[in-house]
C-alpha atoms as a PDB file:
ATOM      1  CA  MET A   1       0.000   0.000   0.000  1.00  0.00           C
ATOM      2  CA  ASN A   2       1.293   3.439  -0.928  1.00  0.00           C
ATOM      3  CA  PRO A   3      -0.447   6.129   1.180  1.00  0.00           C
ATOM      4  CA  ASN A   4       0.821   8.785  -1.223  1.00  0.00           C
ATOM      5  CA  SER A   5      -1.013   7.267  -4.190  1.00  0.00           C
ATOM      6  CA  ARG A   6      -4.194   8.750  -5.493  1.00  0.00           C
ATOM      7  CA  THR A   7      -7.438   7.132  -4.374  1.00  0.00           C
ATOM      8  CA  VAL A   8     -10.458   6.221  -6.465  1.00  0.00           C
ATOM      9  CA  VAL A   9     -13.881   5.127  -5.272  1.00  0.00           C
ATOM     10  CA  VAL A  10     -15.737   2.823  -7.684  1.00  0.00           C
ATOM     11  CA  THR A  11     -19.368   1.918  -7.067  1.00  0.00           C
ATOM     12  CA  GLY A  12     -20.650  -1.419  -8.317  1.00  0.00           C
ATOM     13  CA  ALA A  13     -17.119  -2.834  -8.223  1.00  0.00           C
ATOM     14  CA  SER A  14     -17.771  -6.537  -7.670  1.00  0.00           C
ATOM     15  CA  SER A  15     -18.223  -7.591 -11.309  1.00  0.00           C
ATOM     16  CA  GLY A  16     -18.392  -6.510 -14.929  1.00  0.00           C
ATOM     17  CA  ILE A  17     -17.362  -2.947 -15.739  1.00  0.00           C
ATOM     18  CA  GLY A  18     -16.839  -2.024 -12.096  1.00  0.00           C
ATOM     19  CA  LEU A  19     -14.420  -4.865 -11.478  1.00  0.00           C
ATOM     20  CA  GLY A  20     -12.590  -3.976 -14.685  1.00  0.00           C
ATOM     21  CA  LEU A  21     -12.313  -0.371 -13.515  1.00  0.00           C
ATOM     22  CA  ALA A  22     -10.940  -1.448 -10.155  1.00  0.00           C
ATOM     23  CA  LYS A  23      -8.268  -3.537 -11.875  1.00  0.00           C
ATOM     24  CA  ALA A  24      -7.370  -0.747 -14.302  1.00  0.00           C
ATOM     25  CA  TYR A  25      -6.904   1.793 -11.502  1.00  0.00           C
ATOM     26  CA  LEU A  26      -4.917  -0.666  -9.392  1.00  0.00           C
ATOM     27  CA  ASP A  27      -2.647  -1.265 -12.372  1.00  0.00           C
ATOM     28  CA  GLN A  28      -1.996   2.485 -12.441  1.00  0.00           C
ATOM     29  CA  GLY A  29      -1.032   2.580  -8.768  1.00  0.00           C
ATOM     30  CA  PHE A  30      -4.265   3.974  -7.346  1.00  0.00           C
ATOM     31  CA  ASN A  31      -5.732   2.965  -4.025  1.00  0.00           C
ATOM     32  CA  VAL A  32      -9.206   1.594  -4.776  1.00  0.00           C
ATOM     33  CA  VAL A  33     -12.302   1.561  -2.583  1.00  0.00           C
ATOM     34  CA  GLY A  34     -15.075  -0.446  -4.203  1.00  0.00           C
ATOM     35  CA  SER A  35     -18.707  -0.806  -3.244  1.00  0.00           C
ATOM     36  CA  ALA A  36     -21.337  -3.456  -3.910  1.00  0.00           C
ATOM     37  CA  ARG A  37     -24.481  -4.677  -2.205  1.00  0.00           C
ATOM     38  CA  ASN A  38     -23.047  -8.059  -1.277  1.00  0.00           C
ATOM     39  CA  ALA A  39     -20.022  -8.536   0.990  1.00  0.00           C
ATOM     40  CA  GLU A  40     -19.368 -12.038  -0.347  1.00  0.00           C
ATOM     41  CA  ARG A  41     -19.190 -10.802  -3.927  1.00  0.00           C
ATOM     42  CA  LEU A  42     -16.809  -8.043  -2.862  1.00  0.00           C
ATOM     43  CA  ALA A  43     -14.603 -10.619  -1.173  1.00  0.00           C
ATOM     44  CA  ALA A  44     -14.630 -12.696  -4.371  1.00  0.00           C
ATOM     45  CA  ALA A  45     -13.718  -9.597  -6.377  1.00  0.00           C
ATOM     46  CA  ALA A  46     -10.830  -8.829  -4.043  1.00  0.00           C
ATOM     47  CA  GLU A  47      -9.584 -12.385  -4.470  1.00  0.00           C
ATOM     48  CA  GLU A  48      -9.811 -12.091  -8.255  1.00  0.00           C
ATOM     49  CA  LEU A  49      -7.772  -8.896  -8.024  1.00  0.00           C
ATOM     50  CA  GLY A  50      -5.132 -10.712  -5.989  1.00  0.00           C
ATOM     51  CA  ASN A  51      -6.206  -9.375  -2.567  1.00  0.00           C
ATOM     52  CA  PRO A  52      -4.069  -6.227  -2.871  1.00  0.00           C
ATOM     53  CA  GLU A  53      -3.554  -4.164   0.295  1.00  0.00           C
ATOM     54  CA  ASN A  54      -4.694  -1.047  -1.514  1.00  0.00           C
ATOM     55  CA  PHE A  55      -8.168  -2.417  -2.322  1.00  0.00           C
ATOM     56  CA  ILE A  56     -11.010  -2.136   0.197  1.00  0.00           C
ATOM     57  CA  GLY A  57     -14.582  -3.289  -0.296  1.00  0.00           C
ATOM     58  CA  VAL A  58     -17.544  -1.554   1.326  1.00  0.00           C
ATOM     59  CA  ALA A  59     -20.824  -3.464   1.236  1.00  0.00           C
ATOM     60  CA  GLY A  60     -24.195  -1.714   1.186  1.00  0.00           C
ATOM     61  CA  ASP A  61     -27.002  -0.307  -0.937  1.00  0.00           C
ATOM     62  CA  ILE A  62     -25.626   2.721  -2.782  1.00  0.00           C
ATOM     63  CA  GLY A  63     -29.210   3.960  -3.109  1.00  0.00           C
ATOM     64  CA  GLN A  64     -29.050   4.749   0.616  1.00  0.00           C
ATOM     65  CA  SER A  65     -27.323   7.985   1.570  1.00  0.00           C
ATOM     66  CA  GLY A  66     -25.663   6.349   4.561  1.00  0.00           C
ATOM     67  CA  THR A  67     -23.869   3.857   2.328  1.00  0.00           C
ATOM     68  CA  ALA A  68     -22.484   6.639   0.143  1.00  0.00           C
ATOM     69  CA  THR A  69     -21.294   8.581   3.188  1.00  0.00           C
ATOM     70  CA  ARG A  70     -19.657   5.477   4.661  1.00  0.00           C
ATOM     71  CA  LEU A  71     -17.966   4.742   1.337  1.00  0.00           C
ATOM     72  CA  ILE A  72     -16.260   8.140   1.152  1.00  0.00           C
ATOM     73  CA  GLU A  73     -15.448   8.150   4.872  1.00  0.00           C
ATOM     74  CA  THR A  74     -13.799   4.729   4.563  1.00  0.00           C
ATOM     75  CA  ALA A  75     -11.629   5.961   1.699  1.00  0.00           C
ATOM     76  CA  VAL A  76     -10.552   9.042   3.659  1.00  0.00           C
ATOM     77  CA  GLU A  77      -9.890   7.105   6.858  1.00  0.00           C
ATOM     78  CA  ARG A  78      -7.824   4.438   5.109  1.00  0.00           C
ATOM     79  CA  PHE A  79      -6.041   6.416   2.392  1.00  0.00           C
ATOM     80  CA  GLY A  80      -6.357  10.072   3.398  1.00  0.00           C
ATOM     81  CA  GLN A  81      -8.330  11.431   0.480  1.00  0.00           C
ATOM     82  CA  VAL A  82     -10.627  10.739  -2.461  1.00  0.00           C
ATOM     83  CA  ASP A  83      -9.261  11.942  -5.778  1.00  0.00           C
ATOM     84  CA  VAL A  84     -11.712  10.240  -8.155  1.00  0.00           C
ATOM     85  CA  LEU A  85     -15.260   8.916  -7.826  1.00  0.00           C
ATOM     86  CA  VAL A  86     -16.602   6.629 -10.541  1.00  0.00           C
ATOM     87  CA  ASN A  87     -20.378   6.245 -10.330  1.00  0.00           C
ATOM     88  CA  ASN A  88     -20.583   2.872 -12.032  1.00  0.00           C
ATOM     89  CA  ALA A  89     -23.293   1.020 -10.082  1.00  0.00           C
ATOM     90  CA  GLY A  90     -26.403   0.625 -12.178  1.00  0.00           C
ATOM     91  CA  ILE A  91     -29.073  -1.724 -13.421  1.00  0.00           C
ATOM     92  CA  PHE A  92     -30.488  -1.869 -16.937  1.00  0.00           C
ATOM     93  CA  VAL A  93     -34.013  -3.195 -17.411  1.00  0.00           C
ATOM     94  CA  PRO A  94     -35.125  -3.315 -21.061  1.00  0.00           C
ATOM     95  CA  SER A  95     -38.861  -3.710 -21.457  1.00  0.00           C
ATOM     96  CA  PRO A  96     -41.809  -2.429 -23.474  1.00  0.00           C
ATOM     97  CA  PHE A  97     -42.860   0.803 -21.784  1.00  0.00           C
ATOM     98  CA  THR A  98     -46.330  -0.370 -20.764  1.00  0.00           C
ATOM     99  CA  GLU A  99     -44.877  -3.445 -19.040  1.00  0.00           C
ATOM    100  CA  TYR A 100     -42.574  -1.649 -16.628  1.00  0.00           C
ATOM    101  CA  SER A 101     -43.614  -2.288 -13.037  1.00  0.00           C
ATOM    102  CA  GLU A 102     -43.478  -0.001 -10.042  1.00  0.00           C
ATOM    103  CA  GLU A 103     -40.712  -2.257  -8.689  1.00  0.00           C
ATOM    104  CA  ASP A 104     -38.693  -1.789 -11.895  1.00  0.00           C
ATOM    105  CA  LEU A 105     -38.940   1.980 -11.607  1.00  0.00           C
ATOM    106  CA  ASP A 106     -38.123   2.045  -7.911  1.00  0.00           C
ATOM    107  CA  ALA A 107     -35.066  -0.182  -8.409  1.00  0.00           C
ATOM    108  CA  MET A 108     -33.673   1.934 -11.231  1.00  0.00           C
ATOM    109  CA  LEU A 109     -34.314   5.194  -9.399  1.00  0.00           C
ATOM    110  CA  ALA A 110     -32.602   3.880  -6.262  1.00  0.00           C
ATOM    111  CA  THR A 111     -29.430   2.567  -7.908  1.00  0.00           C
ATOM    112  CA  ASN A 112     -29.110   4.602 -11.108  1.00  0.00           C
ATOM    113  CA  LEU A 113     -30.244   7.978  -9.787  1.00  0.00           C
ATOM    114  CA  LYS A 114     -30.088   8.148  -5.999  1.00  0.00           C
ATOM    115  CA  GLY A 115     -26.821   6.213  -5.967  1.00  0.00           C
ATOM    116  CA  VAL A 116     -25.184   8.771  -8.247  1.00  0.00           C
ATOM    117  CA  VAL A 117     -26.569  11.732  -6.325  1.00  0.00           C
ATOM    118  CA  TYR A 118     -25.635  10.473  -2.859  1.00  0.00           C
ATOM    119  CA  ALA A 119     -22.143   9.310  -3.794  1.00  0.00           C
ATOM    120  CA  SER A 120     -21.446  12.531  -5.707  1.00  0.00           C
ATOM    121  CA  GLN A 121     -22.646  14.665  -2.814  1.00  0.00           C
ATOM    122  CA  ALA A 122     -20.456  12.798  -0.338  1.00  0.00           C
ATOM    123  CA  ALA A 123     -17.442  13.026  -2.651  1.00  0.00           C
ATOM    124  CA  ALA A 124     -17.997  16.705  -3.468  1.00  0.00           C
ATOM    125  CA  ARG A 125     -18.222  17.625   0.221  1.00  0.00           C
ATOM    126  CA  HIS A 126     -14.754  16.107   0.616  1.00  0.00           C
ATOM    127  CA  MET A 127     -13.313  17.472  -2.632  1.00  0.00           C
ATOM    128  CA  ILE A 128     -14.492  21.098  -2.396  1.00  0.00           C
ATOM    129  CA  PRO A 129     -12.284  22.082   0.583  1.00  0.00           C
ATOM    130  CA  ARG A 130      -9.325  20.324  -1.068  1.00  0.00           C
ATOM    131  CA  ARG A 131      -9.983  22.151  -4.361  1.00  0.00           C
ATOM    132  CA  ARG A 132      -9.315  19.055  -6.419  1.00  0.00           C
ATOM    133  CA  GLY A 133     -11.163  15.984  -7.618  1.00  0.00           C
ATOM    134  CA  HIS A 134     -12.842  14.219 -10.491  1.00  0.00           C
ATOM    135  CA  ILE A 135     -16.253  12.554 -10.777  1.00  0.00           C
ATOM    136  CA  VAL A 136     -17.029  10.170 -13.634  1.00  0.00           C
ATOM    137  CA  ASN A 137     -20.553   8.945 -14.296  1.00  0.00           C
ATOM    138  CA  ILE A 138     -21.094   5.717 -16.226  1.00  0.00           C
ATOM    139  CA  THR A 139     -24.294   6.424 -18.148  1.00  0.00           C
ATOM    140  CA  ALA A 140     -25.496   4.714 -21.346  1.00  0.00           C
ATOM    141  CA  SER A 141     -25.434   5.203 -25.090  1.00  0.00           C
ATOM    142  CA  VAL A 142     -29.242   4.985 -25.213  1.00  0.00           C
ATOM    143  CA  GLY A 143     -29.284   8.137 -23.101  1.00  0.00           C
ATOM    144  CA  LEU A 144     -27.786   9.912 -26.118  1.00  0.00           C
ATOM    145  CA  GLN A 145     -29.630   8.083 -28.893  1.00  0.00           C
ATOM    146  CA  PRO A 146     -32.536   5.672 -28.256  1.00  0.00           C
ATOM    147  CA  ASN A 147     -32.602   2.503 -30.326  1.00  0.00           C
ATOM    148  CA  ARG A 148     -35.920   1.049 -31.492  1.00  0.00           C
ATOM    149  CA  ASP A 149     -34.445  -2.457 -31.295  1.00  0.00           C
ATOM    150  CA  VAL A 150     -33.811  -1.960 -27.567  1.00  0.00           C
ATOM    151  CA  PRO A 151     -37.051  -0.948 -25.791  1.00  0.00           C
ATOM    152  CA  ALA A 152     -35.602   0.833 -22.768  1.00  0.00           C
ATOM    153  CA  SER A 153     -37.528   4.045 -22.210  1.00  0.00           C
ATOM    154  CA  LEU A 154     -36.995   4.176 -18.446  1.00  0.00           C
ATOM    155  CA  PRO A 155     -33.216   3.586 -18.585  1.00  0.00           C
ATOM    156  CA  THR A 156     -33.143   6.179 -21.361  1.00  0.00           C
ATOM    157  CA  LEU A 157     -35.016   8.619 -19.125  1.00  0.00           C
ATOM    158  CA  ILE A 158     -32.641   8.168 -16.203  1.00  0.00           C
ATOM    159  CA  LYS A 159     -29.351   7.788 -18.075  1.00  0.00           C
ATOM    160  CA  GLY A 160     -30.204  10.646 -20.411  1.00  0.00           C
ATOM    161  CA  GLY A 161     -30.863  12.813 -17.380  1.00  0.00           C
ATOM    162  CA  LEU A 162     -27.517  11.790 -15.925  1.00  0.00           C
ATOM    163  CA  ASN A 163     -25.774  12.899 -19.114  1.00  0.00           C
ATOM    164  CA  GLN A 164     -27.212  16.389 -18.611  1.00  0.00           C
ATOM    165  CA  PHE A 165     -26.559  16.209 -14.875  1.00  0.00           C
ATOM    166  CA  THR A 166     -22.897  15.623 -15.721  1.00  0.00           C
ATOM    167  CA  ARG A 167     -22.762  18.857 -17.695  1.00  0.00           C
ATOM    168  CA  ALA A 168     -24.612  20.859 -15.033  1.00  0.00           C
ATOM    169  CA  LEU A 169     -22.482  19.564 -12.168  1.00  0.00           C
ATOM    170  CA  ALA A 170     -19.312  20.227 -14.143  1.00  0.00           C
ATOM    171  CA  LEU A 171     -20.317  23.883 -14.393  1.00  0.00           C
ATOM    172  CA  GLU A 172     -21.216  24.095 -10.706  1.00  0.00           C
ATOM    173  CA  LEU A 173     -18.033  22.474  -9.429  1.00  0.00           C
ATOM    174  CA  SER A 174     -15.539  23.973 -11.872  1.00  0.00           C
ATOM    175  CA  PRO A 175     -14.802  26.985  -9.610  1.00  0.00           C
ATOM    176  CA  HIS A 176     -13.612  24.452  -7.034  1.00  0.00           C
ATOM    177  CA  ASP A 177     -11.222  22.783  -9.528  1.00  0.00           C
ATOM    178  CA  ILE A 178     -13.376  19.651  -9.587  1.00  0.00           C
ATOM    179  CA  ARG A 179     -14.033  18.036 -12.953  1.00  0.00           C
ATOM    180  CA  VAL A 180     -17.134  16.023 -13.844  1.00  0.00           C
ATOM    181  CA  ASN A 181     -17.371  13.803 -16.924  1.00  0.00           C
ATOM    182  CA  ALA A 182     -19.323  10.794 -18.161  1.00  0.00           C
ATOM    183  CA  VAL A 183     -18.728   7.704 -20.240  1.00  0.00           C
ATOM    184  CA  ALA A 184     -21.768   6.408 -22.145  1.00  0.00           C
ATOM    185  CA  PRO A 185     -21.246   2.711 -22.978  1.00  0.00           C
ATOM    186  CA  GLY A 186     -23.023   0.785 -25.662  1.00  0.00           C
ATOM    187  CA  ILE A 187     -23.371  -2.984 -25.367  1.00  0.00           C
ATOM    188  CA  ILE A 188     -20.406  -4.305 -23.384  1.00  0.00           C
ATOM    189  CA  GLU A 189     -19.460  -7.931 -22.869  1.00  0.00           C
ATOM    190  CA  THR A 190     -20.267  -8.707 -19.235  1.00  0.00           C
ATOM    191  CA  PRO A 191     -21.812 -11.667 -17.364  1.00  0.00           C
ATOM    192  CA  MET A 192     -25.249 -10.032 -17.569  1.00  0.00           C
ATOM    193  CA  HIS A 193     -25.618 -10.887 -21.286  1.00  0.00           C
ATOM    194  CA  ASP A 194     -26.903 -14.227 -22.528  1.00  0.00           C
ATOM    195  CA  PRO A 195     -24.239 -15.801 -24.774  1.00  0.00           C
ATOM    196  CA  GLY A 196     -27.048 -17.002 -27.044  1.00  0.00           C
ATOM    197  CA  ALA A 197     -27.952 -13.391 -27.818  1.00  0.00           C
ATOM    198  CA  ARG A 198     -24.450 -12.504 -29.008  1.00  0.00           C
ATOM    199  CA  GLU A 199     -25.326 -12.315 -32.724  1.00  0.00           C
ATOM    200  CA  PHE A 200     -28.252  -9.980 -32.022  1.00  0.00           C
ATOM    201  CA  LEU A 201     -26.158  -7.807 -29.692  1.00  0.00           C
ATOM    202  CA  ASN A 202     -23.318  -7.593 -32.213  1.00  0.00           C
ATOM    203  CA  GLY A 203     -25.771  -6.238 -34.753  1.00  0.00           C
ATOM    204  CA  LEU A 204     -26.791  -3.330 -32.533  1.00  0.00           C
ATOM    205  CA  GLN A 205     -23.476  -1.543 -33.163  1.00  0.00           C
ATOM    206  CA  PRO A 206     -22.476  -0.123 -36.551  1.00  0.00           C
ATOM    207  CA  VAL A 207     -19.036  -1.674 -36.036  1.00  0.00           C
ATOM    208  CA  GLY A 208     -20.687  -5.108 -35.876  1.00  0.00           C
ATOM    209  CA  TYR A 209     -19.456  -6.304 -32.478  1.00  0.00           C
ATOM    210  CA  ILE A 210     -19.958  -5.511 -28.817  1.00  0.00           C
ATOM    211  CA  GLY A 211     -17.401  -3.747 -26.688  1.00  0.00           C
ATOM    212  CA  ARG A 212     -15.069  -5.002 -23.976  1.00  0.00           C
ATOM    213  CA  VAL A 213     -14.847  -3.906 -20.366  1.00  0.00           C
ATOM    214  CA  GLN A 214     -11.325  -2.691 -21.173  1.00  0.00           C
ATOM    215  CA  ASP A 215     -12.803  -0.238 -23.691  1.00  0.00           C
ATOM    216  CA  ILE A 216     -14.725   1.454 -20.878  1.00  0.00           C
ATOM    217  CA  ALA A 217     -11.739   1.354 -18.528  1.00  0.00           C
ATOM    218  CA  ASP A 218      -9.570   2.990 -21.178  1.00  0.00           C
ATOM    219  CA  ALA A 219     -12.108   5.790 -21.623  1.00  0.00           C
ATOM    220  CA  VAL A 220     -12.459   6.409 -17.885  1.00  0.00           C
ATOM    221  CA  LEU A 221      -8.689   6.507 -17.438  1.00  0.00           C
ATOM    222  CA  TYR A 222      -8.375   8.921 -20.353  1.00  0.00           C
ATOM    223  CA  LEU A 223     -10.823  11.279 -18.653  1.00  0.00           C
ATOM    224  CA  THR A 224      -9.053  10.830 -15.320  1.00  0.00           C
ATOM    225  CA  HIS A 225      -5.740  11.968 -16.810  1.00  0.00           C
ATOM    226  CA  SER A 226      -7.174  14.646 -19.113  1.00  0.00           C
ATOM    227  CA  GLY A 227      -7.024  17.645 -16.815  1.00  0.00           C
ATOM    228  CA  PHE A 228      -8.539  20.110 -19.293  1.00  0.00           C
ATOM    229  CA  THR A 229     -11.659  17.988 -19.917  1.00  0.00           C
ATOM    230  CA  THR A 230     -14.852  18.586 -17.942  1.00  0.00           C
ATOM    231  CA  GLY A 231     -18.544  18.416 -18.788  1.00  0.00           C
ATOM    232  CA  ALA A 232     -17.856  15.802 -21.474  1.00  0.00           C
ATOM    233  CA  VAL A 233     -20.088  12.818 -22.218  1.00  0.00           C
ATOM    234  CA  LEU A 234     -17.907  10.341 -24.078  1.00  0.00           C
ATOM    235  CA  PRO A 235     -19.749   7.641 -26.058  1.00  0.00           C
ATOM    236  CA  VAL A 236     -17.953   4.288 -26.114  1.00  0.00           C
ATOM    237  CA  ASP A 237     -20.541   2.404 -28.092  1.00  0.00           C
ATOM    238  CA  GLY A 238     -19.269   1.246 -31.480  1.00  0.00           C
ATOM    239  CA  GLY A 239     -21.204   4.053 -33.146  1.00  0.00           C
ATOM    240  CA  MET A 240     -24.632   3.348 -31.598  1.00  0.00           C
ATOM    241  CA  SER A 241     -25.203   6.982 -30.666  1.00  0.00           C
ATOM    242  CA  THR A 242     -24.507   8.358 -34.137  1.00  0.00           C
ATOM    243  CA  GLY A 243     -28.196   8.094 -35.051  1.00  0.00           C
ATOM    244  CA  THR A 244     -30.280   5.929 -37.323  1.00  0.00           C
ATOM    245  CA  TRP A 245     -28.130   3.670 -39.496  1.00  0.00           C
END
């Protein structure tokens, strides 16, 4: 563990994109504090990462403000500061609009919206006095350009709002030398996708194939190191957001 290293907090870090982000930051010498709902899955993630001393897992529902506060406090107590927050935790529920349930909406609002707000508030309260920091929101390509082959009006509503939230928060926090950016993924190869649907998913991108977790990690790291970039929403989607094709 290097206490002088920069520290990143990654929500939803136990699998998929979040786990890939944790690995990418560790490879660059960052201390990493990762959150997930399930302590067992966090322990499994830590083992997959090699149980490094500079990785800590914090279990809890990120849709609860107390979890977000505890996440930032843990990072500060263990490593001294939070330099980067990546709001990665999220759920994606595709469905015809009329078939969305109240439970679907509540779940997406809790994780995809409240989780971003609470974690960003907790991080900003720490970053503002330090006059430094970076917040990255993982949104979605459909928040930039809906796709008729993917009925996902509620994720589009929330993720599209988060794209604009990114721009607004970047303006608000820029006087404090805090940057805010977003990465908007298209279809990325993670355990959530049915292997039998691969041909269909490949066809949703103009490039003809789905992306890799490393593609998202590369984009997030670019934004982390690009000190003159704020308020950007970077599509990493194989061209999905370019429009009708």
